[in-house]
């Protein structure tokens, strides 16, 4: 299929493709070599996401002290390492 980029850098998805993604308003855009890849994403309000993370942490038995320990670990060893732990916990909790 062919799609034209406008002068405002917009592309309209062909109807056949758009119909396969009904209800999807946002796409993550990635560049792979000379290709553009669109991945559908679901945007959730921040308060809903945070409440979901808190609920999942509670189910998993992760406490505020565990999070504080992760932060402290990051400060003591390397801040990025601590942030990776927190990011992993947040991602893990969203998809479980």
N, C-alpha and C. Protein backbone atom coordinates (compact mmCIF):
# COMPACT_ATOMS: atom_id res chain seq x y z
N UNK A 1 0.84 -1.18 0.00
CA UNK A 1 0.00 0.00 0.00
C UNK A 1 0.88 1.24 0.00
N UNK A 2 0.33 2.27 -0.52
CA UNK A 2 1.06 3.52 -0.63
C UNK A 2 0.40 4.59 0.23
N UNK A 3 1.20 5.33 0.98
CA UNK A 3 0.71 6.45 1.78
C UNK A 3 1.62 7.64 1.49
N UNK A 4 1.03 8.82 1.40
CA UNK A 4 1.80 10.02 1.08
C UNK A 4 2.00 10.85 2.35
N UNK A 5 3.23 11.33 2.55
CA UNK A 5 3.54 12.24 3.65
C UNK A 5 3.20 13.65 3.20
N UNK A 6 2.43 14.38 4.02
CA UNK A 6 2.05 15.74 3.66
C UNK A 6 3.17 16.71 4.00
N UNK A 7 2.97 17.96 3.64
CA UNK A 7 3.96 19.00 3.95
C UNK A 7 4.08 19.23 5.45
N UNK A 8 3.07 18.78 6.21
CA UNK A 8 3.10 18.89 7.68
C UNK A 8 3.55 17.58 8.33
N UNK A 9 4.20 16.72 7.53
CA UNK A 9 4.72 15.44 8.00
C UNK A 9 3.63 14.51 8.54
N UNK A 10 2.46 14.55 7.96
CA UNK A 10 1.38 13.67 8.37
C UNK A 10 1.17 12.58 7.32
N UNK A 11 0.80 11.40 7.82
CA UNK A 11 0.49 10.28 6.94
C UNK A 11 -0.87 9.74 7.36
N UNK A 12 -1.75 9.52 6.42
CA UNK A 12 -3.05 8.92 6.70
C UNK A 12 -2.92 7.42 6.48
N UNK A 13 -3.34 6.66 7.48
CA UNK A 13 -3.31 5.21 7.33
C UNK A 13 -4.36 4.79 6.31
N UNK A 14 -4.01 3.89 5.41
CA UNK A 14 -5.01 3.39 4.48
C UNK A 14 -6.17 2.74 5.25
N UNK A 15 -7.38 2.87 4.70
CA UNK A 15 -8.58 2.39 5.39
C UNK A 15 -8.45 0.93 5.80
N UNK A 16 -7.91 0.10 4.93
CA UNK A 16 -7.75 -1.33 5.22
C UNK A 16 -6.90 -1.57 6.47
N UNK A 17 -5.88 -0.74 6.67
CA UNK A 17 -5.02 -0.85 7.85
C UNK A 17 -5.73 -0.26 9.06
N UNK A 18 -6.31 0.92 8.91
CA UNK A 18 -6.98 1.60 10.02
C UNK A 18 -8.09 0.75 10.62
N UNK A 19 -8.81 0.01 9.78
CA UNK A 19 -9.89 -0.84 10.28
C UNK A 19 -9.39 -1.95 11.21
N UNK A 20 -8.15 -2.35 11.03
CA UNK A 20 -7.58 -3.40 11.89
C UNK A 20 -7.16 -2.86 13.26
N UNK A 21 -7.17 -1.53 13.41
CA UNK A 21 -6.75 -0.91 14.66
C UNK A 21 -7.84 0.02 15.20
N UNK A 22 -9.08 -0.40 15.13
CA UNK A 22 -10.18 0.41 15.64
C UNK A 22 -10.01 0.59 17.14
N UNK A 23 -10.25 1.79 17.62
CA UNK A 23 -10.11 2.08 19.05
C UNK A 23 -8.70 2.47 19.46
N UNK A 24 -7.76 2.37 18.55
CA UNK A 24 -6.37 2.75 18.84
C UNK A 24 -6.17 4.18 18.35
N UNK A 25 -5.76 5.05 19.28
CA UNK A 25 -5.53 6.45 18.93
C UNK A 25 -4.05 6.80 18.86
N UNK A 26 -3.21 6.02 19.53
CA UNK A 26 -1.79 6.34 19.61
C UNK A 26 -0.94 5.15 19.17
N UNK A 27 0.18 5.49 18.53
CA UNK A 27 1.15 4.49 18.10
C UNK A 27 2.53 4.91 18.56
N UNK A 28 3.31 3.96 19.02
CA UNK A 28 4.72 4.20 19.29
C UNK A 28 5.42 4.07 17.94
N UNK A 29 6.28 5.01 17.64
CA UNK A 29 6.95 5.01 16.34
C UNK A 29 8.42 4.67 16.55
N UNK A 30 8.87 3.68 15.80
CA UNK A 30 10.27 3.27 15.87
C UNK A 30 10.86 3.29 14.47
N UNK A 31 12.15 3.52 14.42
CA UNK A 31 12.87 3.49 13.14
C UNK A 31 13.80 2.29 13.17
N UNK A 32 13.69 1.45 12.16
CA UNK A 32 14.55 0.27 12.05
C UNK A 32 15.20 0.33 10.67
N UNK A 33 16.47 0.66 10.66
CA UNK A 33 17.19 0.88 9.41
C UNK A 33 16.42 1.90 8.56
N UNK A 34 15.85 1.46 7.47
CA UNK A 34 15.16 2.38 6.57
C UNK A 34 13.65 2.17 6.63
N UNK A 35 13.15 1.64 7.77
CA UNK A 35 11.72 1.35 7.93
C UNK A 35 11.15 2.14 9.10
N UNK A 36 9.89 2.48 9.01
CA UNK A 36 9.15 3.10 10.10
C UNK A 36 8.20 2.04 10.63
N UNK A 37 8.23 1.79 11.93
CA UNK A 37 7.38 0.78 12.55
C UNK A 37 6.42 1.46 13.51
N UNK A 38 5.13 1.21 13.34
CA UNK A 38 4.10 1.75 14.22
C UNK A 38 3.60 0.62 15.12
N UNK A 39 3.65 0.85 16.42
CA UNK A 39 3.17 -0.14 17.39
C UNK A 39 2.05 0.49 18.19
N UNK A 40 0.83 -0.10 18.16
CA UNK A 40 -0.28 0.50 18.89
C UNK A 40 -0.02 0.51 20.39
N UNK A 41 -0.39 1.62 21.05
CA UNK A 41 -0.23 1.73 22.50
C UNK A 41 -1.54 2.21 23.12
N UNK A 42 -1.72 1.84 24.37
CA UNK A 42 -2.89 2.28 25.12
C UNK A 42 -2.42 3.28 26.16
N UNK A 43 -2.97 4.47 26.11
CA UNK A 43 -2.62 5.52 27.06
C UNK A 43 -3.62 5.47 28.21
N UNK A 44 -3.09 5.41 29.43
CA UNK A 44 -3.93 5.39 30.62
C UNK A 44 -3.67 6.64 31.44
N UNK A 45 -4.71 7.16 32.11
CA UNK A 45 -4.48 8.30 32.99
C UNK A 45 -3.45 7.93 34.07
N UNK A 46 -2.60 8.89 34.43
CA UNK A 46 -1.52 8.62 35.38
C UNK A 46 -2.05 8.09 36.71
N UNK A 47 -3.15 8.64 37.21
CA UNK A 47 -3.64 8.18 38.51
C UNK A 47 -4.12 6.73 38.44
N UNK A 48 -4.69 6.34 37.32
CA UNK A 48 -5.14 4.96 37.15
C UNK A 48 -3.93 4.03 37.09
N UNK A 49 -2.91 4.43 36.35
CA UNK A 49 -1.70 3.63 36.24
C UNK A 49 -1.01 3.50 37.59
N UNK A 50 -0.87 4.61 38.30
CA UNK A 50 -0.21 4.56 39.61
C UNK A 50 -0.98 3.70 40.59
N UNK A 51 -2.31 3.81 40.58
CA UNK A 51 -3.11 2.97 41.47
C UNK A 51 -2.96 1.50 41.10
N UNK A 52 -2.89 1.21 39.80
CA UNK A 52 -2.67 -0.16 39.36
C UNK A 52 -1.33 -0.70 39.82
N UNK A 53 -0.30 0.14 39.74
CA UNK A 53 1.04 -0.26 40.20
C UNK A 53 1.02 -0.51 41.70
N UNK A 54 0.38 0.40 42.44
CA UNK A 54 0.31 0.23 43.90
C UNK A 54 -0.43 -1.06 44.27
N UNK A 55 -1.55 -1.32 43.59
CA UNK A 55 -2.31 -2.54 43.86
C UNK A 55 -1.48 -3.79 43.57
N UNK A 56 -0.76 -3.76 42.43
CA UNK A 56 0.07 -4.91 42.05
C UNK A 56 1.22 -5.10 43.03
N UNK A 57 1.82 -3.98 43.47
CA UNK A 57 2.90 -4.08 44.46
C UNK A 57 2.38 -4.71 45.74
N UNK A 58 1.18 -4.34 46.14
CA UNK A 58 0.58 -4.90 47.36
C UNK A 58 0.38 -6.41 47.20
N UNK A 59 -0.14 -6.82 46.03
CA UNK A 59 -0.35 -8.25 45.77
C UNK A 59 0.95 -9.02 45.77
N UNK A 60 2.02 -8.38 45.27
CA UNK A 60 3.33 -9.03 45.21
C UNK A 60 4.10 -8.94 46.53
N UNK A 61 3.55 -8.19 47.47
CA UNK A 61 4.22 -8.04 48.76
C UNK A 61 5.38 -7.06 48.73
N UNK A 62 5.39 -6.17 47.75
CA UNK A 62 6.45 -5.16 47.66
C UNK A 62 6.01 -3.96 48.50
N UNK A 63 6.84 -3.57 49.44
CA UNK A 63 6.51 -2.48 50.35
C UNK A 63 7.22 -1.19 49.96
N UNK A 64 6.80 -0.11 50.62
CA UNK A 64 7.49 1.16 50.41
C UNK A 64 8.95 1.06 50.84
N UNK A 65 9.21 0.24 51.86
CA UNK A 65 10.60 0.04 52.31
C UNK A 65 11.43 -0.64 51.22
N UNK A 66 10.79 -1.58 50.47
CA UNK A 66 11.51 -2.22 49.36
C UNK A 66 11.89 -1.19 48.31
N UNK A 67 10.96 -0.29 48.00
CA UNK A 67 11.22 0.75 47.02
C UNK A 67 12.31 1.69 47.53
N UNK A 68 12.18 2.08 48.81
CA UNK A 68 13.21 2.94 49.40
C UNK A 68 14.56 2.26 49.36
N UNK A 69 14.57 0.95 49.63
CA UNK A 69 15.83 0.19 49.56
C UNK A 69 16.40 0.20 48.16
N UNK A 70 15.52 0.10 47.15
CA UNK A 70 16.00 0.16 45.76
C UNK A 70 16.61 1.50 45.44
N UNK A 71 15.98 2.55 45.95
CA UNK A 71 16.51 3.90 45.73
C UNK A 71 17.85 4.05 46.45
N UNK A 72 17.89 3.59 47.71
CA UNK A 72 19.13 3.70 48.48
C UNK A 72 20.25 2.91 47.80
N UNK A 73 19.89 1.72 47.31
CA UNK A 73 20.87 0.91 46.59
C UNK A 73 21.41 1.69 45.40
N UNK A 74 20.51 2.36 44.70
CA UNK A 74 20.92 3.15 43.54
C UNK A 74 21.84 4.28 43.93
N UNK A 75 21.55 4.90 45.07
CA UNK A 75 22.40 6.01 45.52
C UNK A 75 23.76 5.50 45.97
N UNK A 76 23.76 4.34 46.62
CA UNK A 76 25.03 3.82 47.15
C UNK A 76 25.91 3.23 46.06
N UNK A 77 25.31 2.53 45.11
CA UNK A 77 26.11 1.88 44.08
C UNK A 77 26.16 2.70 42.81
N UNK A 78 25.01 2.91 42.28
CA UNK A 78 24.94 3.65 41.02
C UNK A 78 23.49 4.01 40.80
N UNK A 79 23.21 5.26 40.63
CA UNK A 79 21.82 5.72 40.51
C UNK A 79 21.08 5.01 39.39
N UNK A 80 21.71 4.80 38.26
CA UNK A 80 21.06 4.16 37.13
C UNK A 80 20.61 2.75 37.47
N UNK A 81 21.42 2.02 38.21
CA UNK A 81 21.07 0.65 38.62
C UNK A 81 19.79 0.66 39.45
N UNK A 82 19.70 1.57 40.39
CA UNK A 82 18.50 1.68 41.22
C UNK A 82 17.28 2.04 40.40
N UNK A 83 17.45 2.94 39.43
CA UNK A 83 16.33 3.32 38.56
C UNK A 83 15.89 2.15 37.69
N UNK A 84 16.85 1.35 37.25
CA UNK A 84 16.49 0.17 36.45
C UNK A 84 15.65 -0.80 37.29
N UNK A 85 15.99 -0.95 38.57
CA UNK A 85 15.21 -1.83 39.45
C UNK A 85 13.79 -1.29 39.57
N UNK A 86 13.64 0.00 39.82
CA UNK A 86 12.32 0.59 39.95
C UNK A 86 11.54 0.48 38.65
N UNK A 87 12.20 0.70 37.53
CA UNK A 87 11.54 0.59 36.23
C UNK A 87 11.06 -0.85 36.00
N UNK A 88 11.93 -1.81 36.33
CA UNK A 88 11.56 -3.22 36.18
C UNK A 88 10.34 -3.54 37.03
N UNK A 89 10.34 -3.09 38.28
CA UNK A 89 9.20 -3.37 39.16
C UNK A 89 7.92 -2.76 38.61
N UNK A 90 8.01 -1.54 38.09
CA UNK A 90 6.83 -0.88 37.54
C UNK A 90 6.32 -1.61 36.31
N UNK A 91 7.22 -1.97 35.40
CA UNK A 91 6.82 -2.69 34.17
C UNK A 91 6.27 -4.06 34.51
N UNK A 92 6.95 -4.74 35.40
CA UNK A 92 6.52 -6.09 35.80
C UNK A 92 5.12 -6.05 36.38
N UNK A 93 4.87 -5.03 37.20
CA UNK A 93 3.56 -4.95 37.85
C UNK A 93 2.45 -4.63 36.86
N UNK A 94 2.76 -3.91 35.79
CA UNK A 94 1.73 -3.56 34.80
C UNK A 94 1.31 -4.76 33.95
N UNK A 95 2.22 -5.69 33.72
CA UNK A 95 1.93 -6.77 32.79
C UNK A 95 1.67 -8.10 33.47
N UNK A 96 1.52 -8.12 34.78
CA UNK A 96 1.22 -9.36 35.49
C UNK A 96 -0.21 -9.44 35.88
